[in-house]
Amino acid sequence: MGGFSSEYDISVKSASVVFKYLNTKKYKAYRIYITKNSWYYLDENKIEHHVNKNDFSIQLNDEKIKFDVVFNAVHGTPGEDGILQAYFELLNIPHTSCDSYQSALTFNKRDLLSVLKPYGIKCATSYFLNQGDKIDTNSIVKKVGLPCFVKANKAGSSFGISKVYEENKLKTAIEKAFYEDDEIIIESFLDGTEVSVGVITYKGEIVVLPITEIVSENDFFDYEAKYEGKSQEITPARISDVKLKRVIEVASNIYSTLKLKGFSRSEFIFIEDEPYLIEVNTTPGLTEESILPQQANAYGISLPDLFENAIEEVLKK
């Protein structure tokens, strides 16, 4: 849990829920915090024990603890962008998230959309900027129109995102996005119903969970809407059978095409009956209030079962 990004606190909340619901008769769980300055195990007495990064182990008195599996609940870097995945793969330690390449690809919005376009996955018109590039607001507006969304390319939980209505507000929004990442993506506004689609591997099969409709009280599904109750998350979504069939097909296709594993949550906006992909999250929130656990519950999967399945899927491989 933890990580290096603005999503640190959200990750700790997710991991704490996993720790709470894991079957203690079946698993011995250790809370490992990953921070920029240190990696440590926090015991029940709030004492920190250093993690040996050479083999991802901890020393408790005279016993060296090595782990059978890592439950990855680190949102953002380094747990959602492939860094930790590559580290665990080098050490041959099984982990619950997808492989390092898929993690890095899905975390990079620009690269993800570029890879999926040849497979017929529709997405918004976009404009890319890197730190140091000349900012030509006229060219941006000409390509994506107004309003538009300015986003950090590699960030989650809506950090660094702005909805811009006027050209003279673009530079401020771009600066905000560059605070989170040195690459940004500016996308055209899609005016339609927004849905979130959870896809997981459950008991060996790819399962598309019940769809959630997002109705934000704010101008868009921002941090407040996601985490501070400023939205309605309606499961199952109030969409037609045609829309439902199509988005299930697209979300399942993305999961299979990218060879994802474990949890995933994809966001779409419908333009008429066609779902347009916004992003794919491979380490989604796992608190009781988070969307994917809500969807699992609607499907009939409890939190203990959801978390246990993720571990067992890894261990049986």
Protein backbone atom coordinates (compact mmCIF):
# COMPACT_ATOMS: atom_id res chain seq x y z
CA MET A 1 0.00 0.00 0.00
CA GLY A 2 1.01 3.64 -0.35
CA GLY A 3 3.14 4.63 -3.31
CA PHE A 4 4.83 7.78 -4.55
CA SER A 5 1.89 9.71 -6.01
CA SER A 6 -1.03 11.87 -4.91
CA GLU A 7 -3.03 8.65 -4.57
CA TYR A 8 -1.08 7.52 -1.48
CA ASP A 9 -3.95 8.00 1.00
CA ILE A 10 -6.49 6.30 -1.29
CA SER A 11 -4.15 3.33 -1.66
CA VAL A 12 -3.81 3.01 2.13
CA LYS A 13 -7.61 3.00 2.44
CA SER A 14 -7.95 0.31 -0.24
CA ALA A 15 -5.28 -1.90 1.30
CA SER A 16 -6.75 -1.49 4.78
CA VAL A 17 -10.06 -2.86 3.50
CA VAL A 18 -8.28 -5.83 1.91
CA PHE A 19 -6.42 -6.45 5.20
CA LYS A 20 -9.70 -6.23 7.15
CA TYR A 21 -11.62 -8.72 5.00
CA LEU A 22 -8.97 -11.36 4.29
CA ASN A 23 -9.68 -14.74 5.88
CA THR A 24 -7.26 -14.85 8.85
CA LYS A 25 -7.73 -18.61 9.19
CA LYS A 26 -6.37 -19.05 5.68
CA TYR A 27 -3.89 -16.20 5.24
CA LYS A 28 -1.24 -14.48 7.34
CA ALA A 29 -1.26 -10.90 6.06
CA TYR A 30 1.38 -8.21 6.49
CA ARG A 31 0.79 -4.51 5.81
CA ILE A 32 3.72 -3.32 3.71
CA TYR A 33 3.96 0.44 3.13
CA ILE A 34 5.79 1.69 0.03
CA THR A 35 6.94 5.32 0.32
CA LYS A 36 9.56 7.43 -1.43
CA ASN A 37 11.81 7.32 1.62
CA SER A 38 11.29 3.80 2.97
CA TRP A 39 9.57 0.45 2.57
CA TYR A 40 8.38 -1.04 5.84
CA TYR A 41 6.06 -3.52 7.52
CA LEU A 42 3.78 -1.90 10.10
CA ASP A 43 2.97 -4.37 12.87
CA GLU A 44 -0.04 -4.38 15.21
CA ASN A 45 1.89 -2.21 17.69
CA LYS A 46 2.53 0.43 14.99
CA ILE A 47 6.23 -0.48 14.94
CA GLU A 48 7.95 -0.20 11.55
CA HIS A 49 10.14 -3.04 10.28
CA HIS A 50 12.44 -2.36 7.32
CA VAL A 51 11.83 -4.29 4.08
CA ASN A 52 14.94 -5.82 2.52
CA LYS A 53 14.57 -4.80 -1.14
CA ASN A 54 17.08 -7.44 -2.26
CA ASP A 55 14.46 -10.16 -1.84
CA PHE A 56 11.38 -8.30 -0.52
CA SER A 57 11.62 -9.83 2.95
CA ILE A 58 11.33 -8.63 6.52
CA GLN A 59 13.17 -9.69 9.66
CA LEU A 60 11.05 -10.24 12.78
CA ASN A 61 13.23 -11.15 15.74
CA ASP A 62 15.14 -14.23 14.54
CA GLU A 63 12.73 -15.08 11.73
CA LYS A 64 13.10 -14.00 8.12
CA ILE A 65 9.66 -13.58 6.53
CA LYS A 66 9.34 -14.12 2.77
CA PHE A 67 6.00 -13.87 1.01
CA ASP A 68 3.99 -16.35 -1.05
CA VAL A 69 2.05 -13.64 -2.86
CA VAL A 70 1.76 -9.85 -2.96
CA PHE A 71 -1.68 -8.25 -2.94
CA ASN A 72 -0.99 -5.04 -4.84
CA ALA A 73 -3.15 -2.11 -3.72
CA VAL A 74 -0.73 0.67 -4.69
CA HIS A 75 -2.58 3.16 -6.91
CA GLY A 76 -0.45 5.30 -9.20
CA THR A 77 3.32 4.95 -9.29
CA PRO A 78 5.03 2.55 -8.60
CA GLY A 79 2.19 0.04 -8.19
CA GLU A 80 0.01 0.79 -11.21
CA ASP A 81 2.61 1.77 -13.81
CA GLY A 82 4.59 -1.48 -14.03
CA ILE A 83 7.51 -0.63 -11.77
CA LEU A 84 6.58 -2.83 -8.80
CA GLN A 85 5.24 -5.51 -11.14
CA ALA A 86 8.62 -5.75 -12.90
CA TYR A 87 10.40 -5.85 -9.52
CA PHE A 88 8.22 -8.72 -8.25
CA GLU A 89 8.55 -10.56 -11.57
CA LEU A 90 12.36 -10.36 -11.30
CA LEU A 91 12.12 -11.84 -7.80
CA ASN A 92 9.61 -14.50 -8.93
CA ILE A 93 7.07 -13.32 -6.36
CA PRO A 94 3.47 -13.74 -7.56
CA HIS A 95 1.32 -10.61 -7.41
CA THR A 96 -2.37 -9.89 -7.93
CA SER A 97 -2.10 -7.19 -10.61
CA CYS A 98 -1.48 -7.57 -14.33
CA ASP A 99 2.03 -7.96 -15.73
CA SER A 100 4.54 -5.11 -15.87
CA TYR A 101 4.07 -4.28 -19.56
CA GLN A 102 0.27 -4.19 -19.34
CA SER A 103 0.47 -2.07 -16.19
CA ALA A 104 2.78 0.45 -17.83
CA LEU A 105 0.68 0.54 -21.00
CA THR A 106 -2.70 1.06 -19.33
CA PHE A 107 -1.28 3.71 -16.99
CA ASN A 108 -0.07 5.73 -19.98
CA LYS A 109 -3.33 7.08 -21.42
CA ARG A 110 -1.75 8.22 -24.70
CA ASP A 111 -0.03 4.90 -25.41
CA LEU A 112 -3.09 2.88 -24.38
CA LEU A 113 -5.42 4.69 -26.78
CA SER A 114 -2.86 4.40 -29.59
CA VAL A 115 -2.59 0.62 -29.08
CA LEU A 116 -6.36 0.07 -28.93
CA LYS A 117 -7.41 2.22 -31.90
CA PRO A 118 -6.46 -0.43 -34.52
CA TYR A 119 -8.81 -2.83 -32.71
CA GLY A 120 -11.76 -0.54 -33.35
CA ILE A 121 -11.95 0.91 -29.84
CA LYS A 122 -13.39 4.41 -30.12
CA CYS A 123 -12.06 7.32 -28.06
CA ALA A 124 -12.16 11.13 -27.94
CA THR A 125 -10.11 13.32 -30.28
CA SER A 126 -6.86 14.13 -28.47
CA TYR A 127 -3.88 16.50 -28.48
CA PHE A 128 -0.57 15.61 -26.78
CA LEU A 129 1.85 17.91 -24.96
CA ASN A 130 5.16 17.24 -23.21
CA GLN A 131 6.81 19.51 -20.66
CA GLY A 132 8.78 22.16 -22.55
CA ASP A 133 6.68 21.97 -25.73
CA LYS A 134 5.39 25.20 -27.20
CA ILE A 135 1.79 25.74 -26.11
CA ASP A 136 -0.32 26.82 -29.09
CA THR A 137 -3.81 27.24 -27.63
CA ASN A 138 -5.27 28.08 -31.04
CA SER A 139 -4.07 24.75 -32.47
CA ILE A 140 -5.40 22.88 -29.43
CA VAL A 141 -8.86 24.38 -29.74
CA LYS A 142 -8.86 23.84 -33.50
CA LYS A 143 -8.23 20.12 -33.00
CA VAL A 144 -10.27 19.20 -29.89
CA GLY A 145 -12.78 22.05 -29.60
CA LEU A 146 -14.29 23.55 -26.47
CA PRO A 147 -15.07 22.55 -23.84
CA CYS A 148 -12.20 20.09 -23.53
CA PHE A 149 -10.46 18.07 -20.82
CA VAL A 150 -6.83 18.64 -19.86
CA LYS A 151 -5.33 15.63 -18.06
CA ALA A 152 -2.04 14.36 -16.74
CA ASN A 153 -1.08 11.46 -19.00
CA LYS A 154 0.02 9.20 -16.13
CA ALA A 155 -2.09 9.92 -13.05
CA GLY A 156 -5.24 8.57 -11.46
CA SER A 157 -8.11 9.58 -9.18
CA SER A 158 -8.69 12.69 -11.35
CA PHE A 159 -5.57 14.44 -10.03
CA GLY A 160 -4.42 17.15 -12.44
CA ILE A 161 -7.59 17.17 -14.54
CA SER A 162 -9.54 20.26 -15.64
CA LYS A 163 -12.56 20.88 -17.83
CA VAL A 164 -11.84 24.00 -19.89
CA TYR A 165 -14.53 26.16 -21.51
CA GLU A 166 -12.46 29.12 -22.72
CA GLU A 167 -9.22 29.23 -24.68
CA ASN A 168 -7.67 31.74 -22.26
CA LYS A 169 -8.04 29.20 -19.41
CA LEU A 170 -6.08 26.49 -21.20
CA LYS A 171 -2.60 27.48 -19.99
CA THR A 172 -3.66 27.41 -16.32
CA ALA A 173 -5.17 23.95 -16.79
CA ILE A 174 -2.03 22.76 -18.58
CA GLU A 175 0.15 23.97 -15.69
CA LYS A 176 -2.07 22.08 -13.24
CA ALA A 177 -1.72 18.87 -15.27
CA PHE A 178 2.06 19.28 -15.56
CA TYR A 179 2.23 19.38 -11.75
CA GLU A 180 1.22 15.68 -11.79
CA ASP A 181 3.15 14.52 -14.87
CA ASP A 182 5.55 15.79 -17.54
CA GLU A 183 3.21 14.51 -20.26
CA ILE A 184 -0.39 15.58 -20.73
CA ILE A 185 -3.32 14.70 -22.95
CA ILE A 186 -6.03 17.15 -24.00
CA GLU A 187 -9.28 15.54 -25.13
CA SER A 188 -12.49 16.68 -26.75
CA PHE A 189 -15.58 16.75 -24.55
CA LEU A 190 -17.91 13.81 -25.05
CA ASP A 191 -21.49 14.62 -24.09
CA GLY A 192 -23.22 11.40 -23.09
CA THR A 193 -23.91 8.87 -20.34
CA GLU A 194 -20.77 7.87 -18.43
CA VAL A 195 -20.35 4.30 -17.21
CA SER A 196 -17.71 2.33 -15.35
CA VAL A 197 -17.15 -1.32 -16.26
CA GLY A 198 -15.37 -3.77 -13.97
CA VAL A 199 -13.77 -6.80 -15.58
CA ILE A 200 -12.03 -9.44 -13.49
CA THR A 201 -10.80 -13.00 -13.72
CA TYR A 202 -13.07 -14.96 -11.38
CA LYS A 203 -12.62 -18.68 -10.82
CA GLY A 204 -10.61 -18.93 -14.01
CA GLU A 205 -13.09 -17.07 -16.25
CA ILE A 206 -13.20 -13.49 -17.51
CA VAL A 207 -16.24 -11.88 -15.88
CA VAL A 208 -17.77 -8.50 -16.77
CA LEU A 209 -19.39 -7.21 -13.59
CA PRO A 210 -22.68 -5.24 -13.52
CA ILE A 211 -22.21 -1.83 -15.15
CA THR A 212 -22.20 1.35 -13.03
CA GLU A 213 -23.66 4.61 -14.31
CA ILE A 214 -21.86 7.74 -13.10
CA VAL A 215 -23.95 10.85 -12.40
CA SER A 216 -21.69 13.57 -11.01
CA GLU A 217 -23.03 16.51 -9.02
CA ASN A 218 -19.96 18.43 -10.21
CA ASP A 219 -19.10 19.41 -13.76
CA PHE A 220 -17.44 16.04 -14.31
CA PHE A 221 -16.37 12.92 -12.37
CA ASP A 222 -13.58 14.65 -10.43
CA TYR A 223 -11.89 13.82 -7.10
CA GLU A 224 -14.81 15.17 -5.03
CA ALA A 225 -17.29 13.17 -7.09
CA LYS A 226 -15.20 10.00 -6.74
CA TYR A 227 -14.27 10.16 -3.07
CA GLU A 228 -16.36 12.79 -1.29
CA GLY A 229 -19.88 11.75 -2.21
CA LYS A 230 -20.45 14.32 -4.95
CA SER A 231 -21.86 11.76 -7.36
CA GLN A 232 -24.43 9.04 -7.81
CA GLU A 233 -23.05 5.64 -8.74
CA ILE A 234 -25.98 3.63 -10.03
CA THR A 235 -25.52 -0.14 -10.38
CA PRO A 236 -26.86 -1.56 -12.62
CA ALA A 237 -26.65 1.35 -15.06
CA ARG A 238 -29.87 2.73 -16.55
CA ILE A 239 -28.91 2.00 -20.14
CA SER A 240 -30.62 0.22 -23.02
CA ASP A 241 -30.01 -3.43 -23.83
CA VAL A 242 -28.21 -2.32 -26.99
CA LYS A 243 -25.80 -0.10 -25.02
CA LEU A 244 -25.35 -2.80 -22.36
CA LYS A 245 -24.48 -5.50 -24.89
CA ARG A 246 -22.08 -3.21 -26.74
CA VAL A 247 -20.15 -1.97 -23.69
CA ILE A 248 -19.81 -5.50 -22.28
CA GLU A 249 -18.43 -6.62 -25.64
CA VAL A 250 -15.93 -3.72 -25.82
CA ALA A 251 -14.77 -3.99 -22.18
CA SER A 252 -14.28 -7.75 -22.46
CA ASN A 253 -12.43 -7.27 -25.75
CA ILE A 254 -10.07 -4.73 -24.16
CA TYR A 255 -9.33 -7.09 -21.24
CA SER A 256 -8.58 -9.99 -23.60
CA THR A 257 -6.71 -7.97 -26.24
CA LEU A 258 -4.38 -6.41 -23.69
CA LYS A 259 -3.98 -9.77 -21.88
CA LEU A 260 -4.95 -8.23 -18.57
CA LYS A 261 -5.18 -10.17 -15.30
CA GLY A 262 -6.75 -9.55 -11.93
CA PHE A 263 -8.89 -6.44 -11.45
CA SER A 264 -9.64 -3.84 -14.10
CA ARG A 265 -12.10 -0.96 -14.30
CA SER A 266 -12.68 0.88 -17.58
CA GLU A 267 -14.52 4.17 -18.03
CA PHE A 268 -16.67 4.89 -21.09
CA ILE A 269 -18.96 7.63 -22.36
CA PHE A 270 -21.76 6.74 -24.76
CA ILE A 271 -22.22 8.72 -27.95
CA GLU A 272 -25.57 7.39 -29.18
CA ASP A 273 -25.16 3.62 -28.70
CA GLU A 274 -21.37 3.50 -29.05
CA PRO A 275 -19.10 3.46 -25.97
CA TYR A 276 -16.02 5.69 -26.21
CA LEU A 277 -13.13 4.63 -23.98
CA ILE A 278 -11.82 7.19 -21.47
CA GLU A 279 -9.29 5.10 -19.54
CA VAL A 280 -8.44 1.70 -18.07
CA ASN A 281 -7.50 1.27 -14.41
CA THR A 282 -5.66 -1.92 -13.43
CA THR A 283 -5.39 -1.16 -9.70
CA PRO A 284 -8.85 0.27 -9.00
CA GLY A 285 -10.07 1.43 -5.60
CA LEU A 286 -11.05 -1.40 -3.24
CA THR A 287 -12.75 0.37 -0.34
CA GLU A 288 -16.31 -0.59 0.62
CA GLU A 289 -17.52 2.50 -1.27
CA SER A 290 -15.39 1.97 -4.39
CA ILE A 291 -17.06 1.16 -7.68
CA LEU A 292 -15.56 -2.27 -8.36
CA PRO A 293 -16.52 -3.72 -4.94
CA GLN A 294 -20.04 -2.31 -5.46
CA GLN A 295 -20.20 -4.10 -8.81
CA ALA A 296 -18.86 -7.35 -7.33
CA ASN A 297 -21.52 -7.19 -4.62
CA ALA A 298 -24.23 -6.71 -7.27
CA TYR A 299 -22.86 -9.78 -9.06
CA GLY A 300 -23.00 -11.75 -5.80
CA ILE A 301 -19.31 -11.69 -4.86
CA SER A 302 -18.56 -10.59 -1.29
CA LEU A 303 -15.42 -8.62 -0.40
CA PRO A 304 -13.75 -11.62 1.32
CA ASP A 305 -14.50 -13.75 -1.76
CA LEU A 306 -13.34 -11.00 -4.16
CA PHE A 307 -9.98 -10.65 -2.42
CA GLU A 308 -9.48 -14.37 -1.85
CA ASN A 309 -10.21 -15.11 -5.51
CA ALA A 310 -7.53 -12.60 -6.58
CA ILE A 311 -4.95 -14.39 -4.43
CA GLU A 312 -6.01 -17.91 -5.44
CA GLU A 313 -5.97 -17.00 -9.16
CA VAL A 314 -2.32 -16.01 -8.79
CA LEU A 315 -1.27 -18.96 -6.64
CA LYS A 316 -2.79 -21.62 -8.90
CA LYS A 317 -0.58 -20.36 -11.76
